[in-house]
Amino acid sequence: MSSSSSTNINERPHHPPPPPANSKTSTQSTDLNDEDRLKYVLDTFLQNFSDSMRLNPKGWRGRFRKMSADEFAFYRGAAVLFYRDLFSQHSQDRWVVNCAKASSIFIHGDLHAGNFGTYIDRFGIINFDVNDFDEGYIGPFTWDVKRLLVSLNIIAFSKAFCDKKIEKILECVLRAYLTEIYAYCQSPEKRYEPICSENTTGHVNLLLKKSRLGSKEEHLDKMTYIENYERKFIRSDTITDVDDVTRHQLLLAFQEYIQTIPTSKKEANWAYKVQNEIVYLIRIKKHDATYYR
């Protein structure tokens, strides 16, 4: 089970409220000089993260250092800025203007190129698909599409692809996206078709096959040990016990989550049994914090 911490520095309100009446719109900000644009960026972060920064200044310094590594790192860490810009351009989105329902789609919320990978589904099949749904949100579907395309643009540019090559890549992705969406609409059963080694080729197929070489036990051994035939978490600087209040809140939240699972998808009761240990894990790589049991 996992849940975001209240002081989590990776806590990203990607979909901020409308900017104050006296603030510059995103359209205006694109024409700003470097100094004014910097003020706009700082204002965006302070509006959304000032409390978190005060609570965890060391973590935020680490996050900003990560973001300064390259353009893509900044893009990943500055989603709130990206969505503030998109929000102010909302009236210019013809898909949204022409169809009210286009703004009420359950979107991924942070659909950049780094959020694709492999995972094992409930049937034990290794899938290649989108991951990291903790920023899921009801909003315009175009936000997901734009977030993905911009991320691919940044990556391709960093690899010195020419403009025509980049344009071709983005057009290919967009056409594939539309093709699959129309296919889903026409064939409901296709929505549940996994992307696995049996129906893929090329790099994705190779990635799926390599994933099979790993094991859950190998991953668990990095954070746990065996005692009396039971797995227990290793305590360290990055893995500590939660306090009693937090434990109680997490258990209640988990029980509430179980009630939301459709009967058709619900596993046997034992699958939802919470073990005795609930710990707080700080993921140093992302300067993030997550609860695990």
C-alpha atoms as a PDB file:
ATOM      1  CA  MET A   1       0.000   0.000   0.000  1.00  0.00           C
ATOM      2  CA  SER A   2       1.267   3.464  -0.678  1.00  0.00           C
ATOM      3  CA  SER A   3       0.222   6.971   0.173  1.00  0.00           C
ATOM      4  CA  SER A   4       1.823  10.362  -0.307  1.00  0.00           C
ATOM      5  CA  SER A   5       3.195  12.133   2.727  1.00  0.00           C
ATOM      6  CA  SER A   6       1.805  15.508   3.702  1.00  0.00           C
ATOM      7  CA  THR A   7       5.335  16.924   3.508  1.00  0.00           C
ATOM      8  CA  ASN A   8       6.239  15.054   0.360  1.00  0.00           C
ATOM      9  CA  ILE A   9       8.416  17.323  -1.795  1.00  0.00           C
ATOM     10  CA  ASN A  10       7.364  15.438  -4.913  1.00  0.00           C
ATOM     11  CA  GLU A  11       3.776  16.397  -4.155  1.00  0.00           C
ATOM     12  CA  ARG A  12       2.799  18.149  -7.377  1.00  0.00           C
ATOM     13  CA  PRO A  13      -0.518  19.980  -7.684  1.00  0.00           C
ATOM     14  CA  HIS A  14      -0.215  19.670 -11.453  1.00  0.00           C
ATOM     15  CA  HIS A  15      -3.579  21.247 -12.011  1.00  0.00           C
ATOM     16  CA  PRO A  16      -3.485  24.556 -10.136  1.00  0.00           C
ATOM     17  CA  PRO A  17      -6.394  26.907  -9.558  1.00  0.00           C
ATOM     18  CA  PRO A  18      -6.764  29.864 -11.910  1.00  0.00           C
ATOM     19  CA  PRO A  19      -3.926  32.375 -11.481  1.00  0.00           C
ATOM     20  CA  PRO A  20      -4.698  35.544  -9.531  1.00  0.00           C
ATOM     21  CA  ALA A  21      -6.437  38.296 -11.460  1.00  0.00           C
ATOM     22  CA  ASN A  22      -3.349  40.488 -11.401  1.00  0.00           C
ATOM     23  CA  SER A  23      -0.982  37.772 -12.649  1.00  0.00           C
ATOM     24  CA  LYS A  24       0.284  37.544 -16.212  1.00  0.00           C
ATOM     25  CA  THR A  25      -1.280  34.888 -18.420  1.00  0.00           C
ATOM     26  CA  SER A  26       0.783  32.142 -19.973  1.00  0.00           C
ATOM     27  CA  THR A  27       0.364  33.676 -23.423  1.00  0.00           C
ATOM     28  CA  GLN A  28       1.912  36.915 -22.162  1.00  0.00           C
ATOM     29  CA  SER A  29       4.652  35.039 -20.335  1.00  0.00           C
ATOM     30  CA  THR A  30       5.963  33.483 -23.536  1.00  0.00           C
ATOM     31  CA  ASP A  31       6.916  36.970 -24.678  1.00  0.00           C
ATOM     32  CA  LEU A  32       8.578  37.951 -21.416  1.00  0.00           C
ATOM     33  CA  ASN A  33      12.273  38.623 -21.155  1.00  0.00           C
ATOM     34  CA  ASP A  34      14.378  36.194 -19.137  1.00  0.00           C
ATOM     35  CA  GLU A  35      14.113  38.176 -15.894  1.00  0.00           C
ATOM     36  CA  ASP A  36      10.321  38.447 -15.984  1.00  0.00           C
ATOM     37  CA  ARG A  37       9.898  34.833 -17.006  1.00  0.00           C
ATOM     38  CA  LEU A  38      12.067  33.811 -14.048  1.00  0.00           C
ATOM     39  CA  LYS A  39       9.771  35.790 -11.733  1.00  0.00           C
ATOM     40  CA  TYR A  40       6.777  34.033 -13.291  1.00  0.00           C
ATOM     41  CA  VAL A  41       8.369  30.613 -12.681  1.00  0.00           C
ATOM     42  CA  LEU A  42       9.255  31.433  -9.077  1.00  0.00           C
ATOM     43  CA  ASP A  43       5.762  32.778  -8.455  1.00  0.00           C
ATOM     44  CA  THR A  44       4.275  29.521  -9.739  1.00  0.00           C
ATOM     45  CA  PHE A  45       6.341  27.378  -7.387  1.00  0.00           C
ATOM     46  CA  LEU A  46       5.779  29.641  -4.391  1.00  0.00           C
ATOM     47  CA  GLN A  47       2.019  29.662  -4.930  1.00  0.00           C
ATOM     48  CA  ASN A  48       1.886  25.871  -4.880  1.00  0.00           C
ATOM     49  CA  PHE A  49       4.767  24.703  -2.698  1.00  0.00           C
ATOM     50  CA  SER A  50       5.668  27.445  -0.204  1.00  0.00           C
ATOM     51  CA  ASP A  51       4.404  25.472   2.828  1.00  0.00           C
ATOM     52  CA  SER A  52       6.206  22.319   1.721  1.00  0.00           C
ATOM     53  CA  MET A  53       9.420  24.252   1.129  1.00  0.00           C
ATOM     54  CA  ARG A  54       9.326  25.640   4.661  1.00  0.00           C
ATOM     55  CA  LEU A  55       8.780  22.171   6.101  1.00  0.00           C
ATOM     56  CA  ASN A  56      11.475  20.460   4.053  1.00  0.00           C
ATOM     57  CA  PRO A  57      14.031  22.981   2.700  1.00  0.00           C
ATOM     58  CA  LYS A  58      16.799  20.379   2.376  1.00  0.00           C
ATOM     59  CA  GLY A  59      14.617  18.097   0.266  1.00  0.00           C
ATOM     60  CA  TRP A  60      13.568  20.935  -1.992  1.00  0.00           C
ATOM     61  CA  ARG A  61      17.161  22.026  -2.542  1.00  0.00           C
ATOM     62  CA  GLY A  62      17.880  18.474  -3.628  1.00  0.00           C
ATOM     63  CA  ARG A  63      14.902  18.461  -5.948  1.00  0.00           C
ATOM     64  CA  PHE A  64      15.929  21.738  -7.582  1.00  0.00           C
ATOM     65  CA  ARG A  65      19.473  20.420  -8.086  1.00  0.00           C
ATOM     66  CA  LYS A  66      17.985  17.414  -9.873  1.00  0.00           C
ATOM     67  CA  MET A  67      15.837  19.686 -12.013  1.00  0.00           C
ATOM     68  CA  SER A  68      18.842  21.760 -13.036  1.00  0.00           C
ATOM     69  CA  ALA A  69      20.619  18.742 -14.566  1.00  0.00           C
ATOM     70  CA  ASP A  70      19.075  19.159 -18.025  1.00  0.00           C
ATOM     71  CA  GLU A  71      15.952  20.317 -19.856  1.00  0.00           C
ATOM     72  CA  PHE A  72      14.074  17.059 -19.429  1.00  0.00           C
ATOM     73  CA  ALA A  73      14.790  16.918 -15.700  1.00  0.00           C
ATOM     74  CA  PHE A  74      13.410  20.435 -15.360  1.00  0.00           C
ATOM     75  CA  TYR A  75      10.355  19.522 -17.436  1.00  0.00           C
ATOM     76  CA  ARG A  76       9.597  16.515 -15.231  1.00  0.00           C
ATOM     77  CA  GLY A  77       9.923  18.538 -12.050  1.00  0.00           C
ATOM     78  CA  ALA A  78       8.059  21.621 -13.278  1.00  0.00           C
ATOM     79  CA  ALA A  79       4.747  20.070 -14.270  1.00  0.00           C
ATOM     80  CA  VAL A  80       2.886  22.663 -12.229  1.00  0.00           C
ATOM     81  CA  LEU A  81       4.368  25.377 -14.444  1.00  0.00           C
ATOM     82  CA  PHE A  82       3.426  23.455 -17.589  1.00  0.00           C
ATOM     83  CA  TYR A  83      -0.183  23.089 -16.467  1.00  0.00           C
ATOM     84  CA  ARG A  84      -0.444  26.692 -15.343  1.00  0.00           C
ATOM     85  CA  ASP A  85       0.527  27.703 -18.862  1.00  0.00           C
ATOM     86  CA  LEU A  86      -1.993  25.274 -20.369  1.00  0.00           C
ATOM     87  CA  PHE A  87      -4.736  26.445 -18.040  1.00  0.00           C
ATOM     88  CA  SER A  88      -4.410  30.034 -19.150  1.00  0.00           C
ATOM     89  CA  GLN A  89      -4.607  28.866 -22.784  1.00  0.00           C
ATOM     90  CA  HIS A  90      -7.720  26.798 -22.110  1.00  0.00           C
ATOM     91  CA  SER A  91      -9.964  28.926 -24.338  1.00  0.00           C
ATOM     92  CA  GLN A  92      -7.591  28.390 -27.268  1.00  0.00           C
ATOM     93  CA  ASP A  93      -7.909  24.588 -27.181  1.00  0.00           C
ATOM     94  CA  ARG A  94     -10.331  23.841 -30.026  1.00  0.00           C
ATOM     95  CA  TRP A  95     -10.954  20.268 -28.851  1.00  0.00           C
ATOM     96  CA  VAL A  96     -12.149  21.559 -25.494  1.00  0.00           C
ATOM     97  CA  VAL A  97     -14.043  24.528 -26.930  1.00  0.00           C
ATOM     98  CA  ASN A  98     -15.963  22.319 -29.373  1.00  0.00           C
ATOM     99  CA  CYS A  99     -16.794  19.549 -26.887  1.00  0.00           C
ATOM    100  CA  ALA A 100     -17.507  20.153 -23.194  1.00  0.00           C
ATOM    101  CA  LYS A 101     -16.954  16.475 -22.362  1.00  0.00           C
ATOM    102  CA  ALA A 102     -13.366  16.772 -23.584  1.00  0.00           C
ATOM    103  CA  SER A 103     -12.561  18.610 -20.335  1.00  0.00           C
ATOM    104  CA  SER A 104     -14.009  15.878 -18.113  1.00  0.00           C
ATOM    105  CA  ILE A 105     -11.776  12.932 -18.921  1.00  0.00           C
ATOM    106  CA  PHE A 106      -9.853  10.923 -16.342  1.00  0.00           C
ATOM    107  CA  ILE A 107      -6.357  11.751 -17.520  1.00  0.00           C
ATOM    108  CA  HIS A 108      -2.987  10.409 -16.446  1.00  0.00           C
ATOM    109  CA  GLY A 109      -1.891  13.811 -15.188  1.00  0.00           C
ATOM    110  CA  ASP A 110       1.850  13.499 -15.880  1.00  0.00           C
ATOM    111  CA  LEU A 111       2.144  11.669 -19.176  1.00  0.00           C
ATOM    112  CA  HIS A 112       5.780  12.270 -20.072  1.00  0.00           C
ATOM    113  CA  ALA A 113       8.131   9.814 -21.779  1.00  0.00           C
ATOM    114  CA  GLY A 114       9.682   8.731 -18.478  1.00  0.00           C
ATOM    115  CA  ASN A 115       6.379   7.338 -17.219  1.00  0.00           C
ATOM    116  CA  PHE A 116       6.286   4.327 -19.521  1.00  0.00           C
ATOM    117  CA  GLY A 117       7.634   0.945 -18.491  1.00  0.00           C
ATOM    118  CA  THR A 118       6.880  -2.640 -17.544  1.00  0.00           C
ATOM    119  CA  TYR A 119       4.833  -4.053 -14.688  1.00  0.00           C
ATOM    120  CA  ILE A 120       3.105  -7.289 -13.743  1.00  0.00           C
ATOM    121  CA  ASP A 121      -0.688  -7.153 -13.945  1.00  0.00           C
ATOM    122  CA  ARG A 122      -3.204  -8.961 -11.730  1.00  0.00           C
ATOM    123  CA  PHE A 123      -2.962 -12.050 -13.952  1.00  0.00           C
ATOM    124  CA  GLY A 124       0.815 -12.286 -13.657  1.00  0.00           C
ATOM    125  CA  ILE A 125       1.471 -11.039 -17.210  1.00  0.00           C
ATOM    126  CA  ILE A 126       4.303  -8.553 -17.782  1.00  0.00           C
ATOM    127  CA  ASN A 127       2.842  -5.501 -19.539  1.00  0.00           C
ATOM    128  CA  PHE A 128       4.405  -2.488 -21.188  1.00  0.00           C
ATOM    129  CA  ASP A 129       2.256   0.546 -20.542  1.00  0.00           C
ATOM    130  CA  VAL A 130       1.878   3.845 -18.745  1.00  0.00           C
ATOM    131  CA  ASN A 131       2.722   3.866 -15.037  1.00  0.00           C
ATOM    132  CA  ASP A 132       2.801   6.347 -12.137  1.00  0.00           C
ATOM    133  CA  PHE A 133      -0.893   7.227 -11.911  1.00  0.00           C
ATOM    134  CA  ASP A 134      -0.638   9.182  -8.654  1.00  0.00           C
ATOM    135  CA  GLU A 135      -1.322  12.429 -10.542  1.00  0.00           C
ATOM    136  CA  GLY A 136      -4.549  11.131 -12.130  1.00  0.00           C
ATOM    137  CA  TYR A 137      -7.039  13.944 -12.605  1.00  0.00           C
ATOM    138  CA  ILE A 138     -10.355  14.845 -14.228  1.00  0.00           C
ATOM    139  CA  GLY A 139      -9.391  17.321 -16.932  1.00  0.00           C
ATOM    140  CA  PRO A 140      -8.905  17.962 -20.672  1.00  0.00           C
ATOM    141  CA  PHE A 141      -7.540  14.920 -22.485  1.00  0.00           C
ATOM    142  CA  THR A 142      -5.374  17.256 -24.569  1.00  0.00           C
ATOM    143  CA  TRP A 143      -3.257  17.986 -21.488  1.00  0.00           C
ATOM    144  CA  ASP A 144      -1.997  14.394 -21.510  1.00  0.00           C
ATOM    145  CA  VAL A 145      -1.298  14.504 -25.235  1.00  0.00           C
ATOM    146  CA  LYS A 146       0.593  17.800 -25.025  1.00  0.00           C
ATOM    147  CA  ARG A 147       2.552  16.683 -21.966  1.00  0.00           C
ATOM    148  CA  LEU A 148       3.734  13.567 -23.808  1.00  0.00           C
ATOM    149  CA  LEU A 149       4.575  15.294 -27.083  1.00  0.00           C
ATOM    150  CA  VAL A 150       6.577  18.062 -25.424  1.00  0.00           C
ATOM    151  CA  SER A 151       8.581  15.495 -23.449  1.00  0.00           C
ATOM    152  CA  LEU A 152       9.414  13.611 -26.650  1.00  0.00           C
ATOM    153  CA  ASN A 153      10.350  16.883 -28.323  1.00  0.00           C
ATOM    154  CA  ILE A 154      12.786  17.706 -25.517  1.00  0.00           C
ATOM    155  CA  ILE A 155      14.370  14.246 -25.601  1.00  0.00           C
ATOM    156  CA  ALA A 156      14.720  14.202 -29.387  1.00  0.00           C
ATOM    157  CA  PHE A 157      16.212  17.704 -29.389  1.00  0.00           C
ATOM    158  CA  SER A 158      18.742  16.679 -26.714  1.00  0.00           C
ATOM    159  CA  LYS A 159      19.833  13.845 -29.013  1.00  0.00           C
ATOM    160  CA  ALA A 160      20.499  16.334 -31.814  1.00  0.00           C
ATOM    161  CA  PHE A 161      17.668  15.141 -34.061  1.00  0.00           C
ATOM    162  CA  CYS A 162      16.891  17.598 -36.831  1.00  0.00           C
ATOM    163  CA  ASP A 163      13.579  19.484 -36.812  1.00  0.00           C
ATOM    164  CA  LYS A 164      12.098  17.343 -39.595  1.00  0.00           C
ATOM    165  CA  LYS A 165      12.969  14.143 -37.732  1.00  0.00           C
ATOM    166  CA  ILE A 166      11.427  15.461 -34.529  1.00  0.00           C
ATOM    167  CA  GLU A 167       8.300  16.541 -36.389  1.00  0.00           C
ATOM    168  CA  LYS A 168       8.007  13.080 -37.924  1.00  0.00           C
ATOM    169  CA  ILE A 169       8.342  11.410 -34.512  1.00  0.00           C
ATOM    170  CA  LEU A 170       5.669  13.600 -32.939  1.00  0.00           C
ATOM    171  CA  GLU A 171       3.293  13.116 -35.864  1.00  0.00           C
ATOM    172  CA  CYS A 172       3.808   9.334 -35.695  1.00  0.00           C
ATOM    173  CA  VAL A 173       2.999   9.284 -31.971  1.00  0.00           C
ATOM    174  CA  LEU A 174      -0.059  11.472 -32.393  1.00  0.00           C
ATOM    175  CA  ARG A 175      -1.430   9.396 -35.277  1.00  0.00           C
ATOM    176  CA  ALA A 176      -0.876   6.191 -33.290  1.00  0.00           C
ATOM    177  CA  TYR A 177      -2.657   7.723 -30.296  1.00  0.00           C
ATOM    178  CA  LEU A 178      -5.693   8.678 -32.406  1.00  0.00           C
ATOM    179  CA  THR A 179      -5.747   5.264 -34.110  1.00  0.00           C
ATOM    180  CA  GLU A 180      -5.852   3.453 -30.779  1.00  0.00           C
ATOM    181  CA  ILE A 181      -8.470   5.777 -29.289  1.00  0.00           C
ATOM    182  CA  TYR A 182     -10.786   5.218 -32.256  1.00  0.00           C
ATOM    183  CA  ALA A 183     -10.164   1.462 -31.996  1.00  0.00           C
ATOM    184  CA  TYR A 184     -11.122   1.525 -28.320  1.00  0.00           C
ATOM    185  CA  CYS A 185     -14.357   3.310 -29.157  1.00  0.00           C
ATOM    186  CA  GLN A 186     -15.267   0.782 -31.838  1.00  0.00           C
ATOM    187  CA  SER A 187     -14.203  -2.352 -29.938  1.00  0.00           C
ATOM    188  CA  PRO A 188     -14.783  -2.154 -26.149  1.00  0.00           C
ATOM    189  CA  GLU A 189     -12.971  -5.464 -25.612  1.00  0.00           C
ATOM    190  CA  LYS A 190      -9.757  -3.893 -26.962  1.00  0.00           C
ATOM    191  CA  ARG A 191      -9.585  -1.697 -23.867  1.00  0.00           C
ATOM    192  CA  TYR A 192      -8.483  -4.729 -21.863  1.00  0.00           C
ATOM    193  CA  GLU A 193      -5.867  -5.997 -24.324  1.00  0.00           C
ATOM    194  CA  PRO A 194      -2.437  -5.954 -22.637  1.00  0.00           C
ATOM    195  CA  ILE A 195       0.719  -4.845 -24.438  1.00  0.00           C
ATOM    196  CA  CYS A 196       2.874  -7.884 -23.785  1.00  0.00           C
ATOM    197  CA  SER A 197       5.615  -9.981 -25.396  1.00  0.00           C
ATOM    198  CA  GLU A 198       3.073 -12.029 -27.362  1.00  0.00           C
ATOM    199  CA  ASN A 199       1.741  -9.081 -29.376  1.00  0.00           C
ATOM    200  CA  THR A 200       4.725  -6.714 -29.676  1.00  0.00           C
ATOM    201  CA  THR A 201       7.927  -6.479 -31.707  1.00  0.00           C
ATOM    202  CA  GLY A 202      11.110  -4.438 -31.714  1.00  0.00           C
ATOM    203  CA  HIS A 203      12.444  -2.539 -28.703  1.00  0.00           C
ATOM    204  CA  VAL A 204       9.267  -2.914 -26.636  1.00  0.00           C
ATOM    205  CA  ASN A 205       9.293  -6.690 -27.107  1.00  0.00           C
ATOM    206  CA  LEU A 206      12.966  -6.833 -26.108  1.00  0.00           C
ATOM    207  CA  LEU A 207      12.286  -4.743 -22.998  1.00  0.00           C
ATOM    208  CA  LEU A 208       9.456  -7.073 -21.965  1.00  0.00           C
ATOM    209  CA  LYS A 209      11.666 -10.139 -22.396  1.00  0.00           C
ATOM    210  CA  LYS A 210      14.452  -8.553 -20.339  1.00  0.00           C
ATOM    211  CA  SER A 211      11.947  -7.792 -17.595  1.00  0.00           C
ATOM    212  CA  ARG A 212      11.272 -11.493 -17.244  1.00  0.00           C
ATOM    213  CA  LEU A 213      14.866 -12.039 -16.143  1.00  0.00           C
ATOM    214  CA  GLY A 214      14.257 -10.058 -12.970  1.00  0.00           C
ATOM    215  CA  SER A 215      12.248 -11.276 -10.015  1.00  0.00           C
ATOM    216  CA  LYS A 216      10.068  -9.867  -7.262  1.00  0.00           C
ATOM    217  CA  GLU A 217      12.280 -11.583  -4.692  1.00  0.00           C
ATOM    218  CA  GLU A 218      15.359  -9.815  -6.026  1.00  0.00           C
ATOM    219  CA  HIS A 219      13.604  -6.463  -5.640  1.00  0.00           C
ATOM    220  CA  LEU A 220      12.316  -7.304  -2.155  1.00  0.00           C
ATOM    221  CA  ASP A 221      15.754  -8.393  -0.980  1.00  0.00           C
ATOM    222  CA  LYS A 222      16.932  -4.793  -1.386  1.00  0.00           C
ATOM    223  CA  MET A 223      14.501  -3.594   1.300  1.00  0.00           C
ATOM    224  CA  THR A 224      13.663  -6.665   3.404  1.00  0.00           C
ATOM    225  CA  TYR A 225      15.089  -9.706   5.152  1.00  0.00           C
ATOM    226  CA  ILE A 226      13.625 -13.066   6.255  1.00  0.00           C
ATOM    227  CA  GLU A 227      13.005 -13.807   9.939  1.00  0.00           C
ATOM    228  CA  ASN A 228      11.064 -16.876  11.086  1.00  0.00           C
ATOM    229  CA  TYR A 229       9.848 -17.371   7.505  1.00  0.00           C
ATOM    230  CA  GLU A 230       8.379 -13.872   7.429  1.00  0.00           C
ATOM    231  CA  ARG A 231       9.621 -10.875   5.437  1.00  0.00           C
ATOM    232  CA  LYS A 232      10.477  -7.816   7.497  1.00  0.00           C
ATOM    233  CA  PHE A 233      11.645  -4.391   6.407  1.00  0.00           C
ATOM    234  CA  ILE A 234      15.264  -3.428   6.890  1.00  0.00           C
ATOM    235  CA  ARG A 235      15.452  -0.290   9.068  1.00  0.00           C
ATOM    236  CA  SER A 236      17.882   2.330   7.805  1.00  0.00           C
ATOM    237  CA  ASP A 237      18.286   6.057   7.210  1.00  0.00           C
ATOM    238  CA  THR A 238      15.707   5.784   4.424  1.00  0.00           C
ATOM    239  CA  ILE A 239      13.303   3.203   5.918  1.00  0.00           C
ATOM    240  CA  THR A 240      11.701   3.990   9.281  1.00  0.00           C
ATOM    241  CA  ASP A 241       8.527   3.069  11.179  1.00  0.00           C
ATOM    242  CA  VAL A 242       5.498   5.323  10.909  1.00  0.00           C
ATOM    243  CA  ASP A 243       3.952   6.733  14.066  1.00  0.00           C
ATOM    244  CA  ASP A 244       0.728   5.298  15.529  1.00  0.00           C
ATOM    245  CA  VAL A 245      -1.495   8.114  14.230  1.00  0.00           C
ATOM    246  CA  THR A 246      -0.192   7.783  10.681  1.00  0.00           C
ATOM    247  CA  ARG A 247      -0.524   3.997  10.840  1.00  0.00           C
ATOM    248  CA  HIS A 248      -4.163   4.298  11.904  1.00  0.00           C
ATOM    249  CA  GLN A 249      -4.893   6.787   9.101  1.00  0.00           C
ATOM    250  CA  LEU A 250      -3.253   4.562   6.495  1.00  0.00           C
ATOM    251  CA  LEU A 251      -5.193   1.483   7.607  1.00  0.00           C
ATOM    252  CA  LEU A 252      -8.475   3.395   7.439  1.00  0.00           C
ATOM    253  CA  ALA A 253      -7.622   4.752   4.003  1.00  0.00           C
ATOM    254  CA  PHE A 254      -6.774   1.259   2.770  1.00  0.00           C
ATOM    255  CA  GLN A 255     -10.089  -0.129   4.003  1.00  0.00           C
ATOM    256  CA  GLU A 256     -11.913   2.701   2.237  1.00  0.00           C
ATOM    257  CA  TYR A 257      -9.984   1.913  -0.952  1.00  0.00           C
ATOM    258  CA  ILE A 258     -10.999  -1.766  -0.788  1.00  0.00           C
ATOM    259  CA  GLN A 259     -14.646  -0.747  -0.746  1.00  0.00           C
ATOM    260  CA  THR A 260     -14.175   1.040  -4.084  1.00  0.00           C
ATOM    261  CA  ILE A 261     -12.920  -2.071  -5.934  1.00  0.00           C
ATOM    262  CA  PRO A 262     -15.616  -3.450  -8.278  1.00  0.00           C
ATOM    263  CA  THR A 263     -16.775  -6.948  -7.363  1.00  0.00           C
ATOM    264  CA  SER A 264     -15.717  -8.241 -10.763  1.00  0.00           C
ATOM    265  CA  LYS A 265     -12.124  -7.198 -10.094  1.00  0.00           C
ATOM    266  CA  LYS A 266     -11.888  -8.015  -6.401  1.00  0.00           C
ATOM    267  CA  GLU A 267      -9.443 -10.681  -5.278  1.00  0.00           C
ATOM    268  CA  ALA A 268      -9.878 -13.031  -2.324  1.00  0.00           C
ATOM    269  CA  ASN A 269      -9.891 -11.334   1.091  1.00  0.00           C
ATOM    270  CA  TRP A 270      -6.424 -12.641   1.962  1.00  0.00           C
ATOM    271  CA  ALA A 271      -4.969 -10.574  -0.894  1.00  0.00           C
ATOM    272  CA  TYR A 272      -5.838  -7.387   1.026  1.00  0.00           C
ATOM    273  CA  LYS A 273      -4.521  -8.429   4.393  1.00  0.00           C
ATOM    274  CA  VAL A 274      -2.234  -5.750   5.832  1.00  0.00           C
ATOM    275  CA  GLN A 275       0.948  -7.079   7.378  1.00  0.00           C
ATOM    276  CA  ASN A 276       2.180  -5.951  10.770  1.00  0.00           C
ATOM    277  CA  GLU A 277       4.796  -3.590   9.414  1.00  0.00           C
ATOM    278  CA  ILE A 278       4.115  -0.198   7.834  1.00  0.00           C
ATOM    279  CA  VAL A 279       7.200   1.862   7.147  1.00  0.00           C
ATOM    280  CA  TYR A 280       8.112   5.215   5.656  1.00  0.00           C
ATOM    281  CA  LEU A 281      10.497   4.965   2.721  1.00  0.00           C
ATOM    282  CA  ILE A 282      12.400   7.969   1.364  1.00  0.00           C
ATOM    283  CA  ARG A 283      13.254   7.378  -2.285  1.00  0.00           C
ATOM    284  CA  ILE A 284      16.476   9.333  -2.606  1.00  0.00           C
ATOM    285  CA  LYS A 285      16.575   9.191  -6.410  1.00  0.00           C
ATOM    286  CA  LYS A 286      13.351  11.153  -6.794  1.00  0.00           C
ATOM    287  CA  HIS A 287      13.540  13.001  -3.498  1.00  0.00           C
ATOM    288  CA  ASP A 288      10.184  11.502  -2.788  1.00  0.00           C
ATOM    289  CA  ALA A 289       8.585   9.782   0.168  1.00  0.00           C
ATOM    290  CA  THR A 290       6.195   6.844   0.148  1.00  0.00           C
ATOM    291  CA  TYR A 291       4.566   4.542   2.655  1.00  0.00           C
ATOM    292  CA  TYR A 292       5.013   0.805   2.215  1.00  0.00           C
ATOM    293  CA  ARG A 293       3.748  -2.209   4.047  1.00  0.00           C
END
